[in-house]
Amino acid sequence: DLNQTDAYDPTFEGVELDPTDVTWATIPTEEVEKPFKRNENMLNIMLVGQDYWGVGGRSRSDSMIICSLNRETGKLTMTSLLRDMYVQIPGYENNRINAAFGFGGIELFKETLKLNFGIELDGFIVVNFTSFVTLVDELGGVKITLTPKEAAHMGLQVGTQRLNGKQALAYSRIRKIDTDFNRTNRQRTVITALLNQYRNMDITKMHSLL
């Protein structure tokens, strides 16, 4: 049963944002001395998926993926940031990195990335659950190959399935059958499948989707 309630887990810790909800240990307060070395041939865009249904409002960043496009080769590389990394957040107590977006949106998230990792990005694309579901459905769903554990968790058949928007969201958010590394891999799998589907579309449809 993949209705909206199942896709959003209201028991996810930290939904009620509190800048002091993580207080164990301390980490150095010095800013990264040597910024991330820029490669002029690379375009770095942060994809943020926030833990939120509807229009307006803001919550934690449920997924964070840096998409790096090499302008010379055309190669696209995706790097996920694990949501439970414990970092410094300017103006707040040390906390998980996914709290930065909830506290201060894109601007605070940008400051947090620069402070902790020396990373400066060229841009951001932000979606919530509603816009993600809409995008997948506009593309006609997405083909994903489900493992036995994934299929059992979602109540679907093992093997390659075409998932609709809500199913793709539920697949991207599976977190109880394995680790967060596997979870972020599923998110990158969905994005790759969506990109492949987009490339095969009619040029006029591509333009309208942009």
Foldseek 3Di string as FASTA:
>chain_A
DLDPCLLAPPVPPCQPPDLCPDPPDADDQFFDPDADDDDVQKAKEKEFEFRDDDPDDGTFGLWIWIWIARNVPRDIDIDTDQQFDFFDFPPGGTGGLRCQCVVPNPVSNQVRCCRGHNDHHDYYDYDYLHVQLVLCVLLVAFWDAADPVLCVVLVHDGTIDGGHSSSLSSQLNDDPPDHVVVSNVSVVVRVVRSVVSLVPDDPVSNVVSD
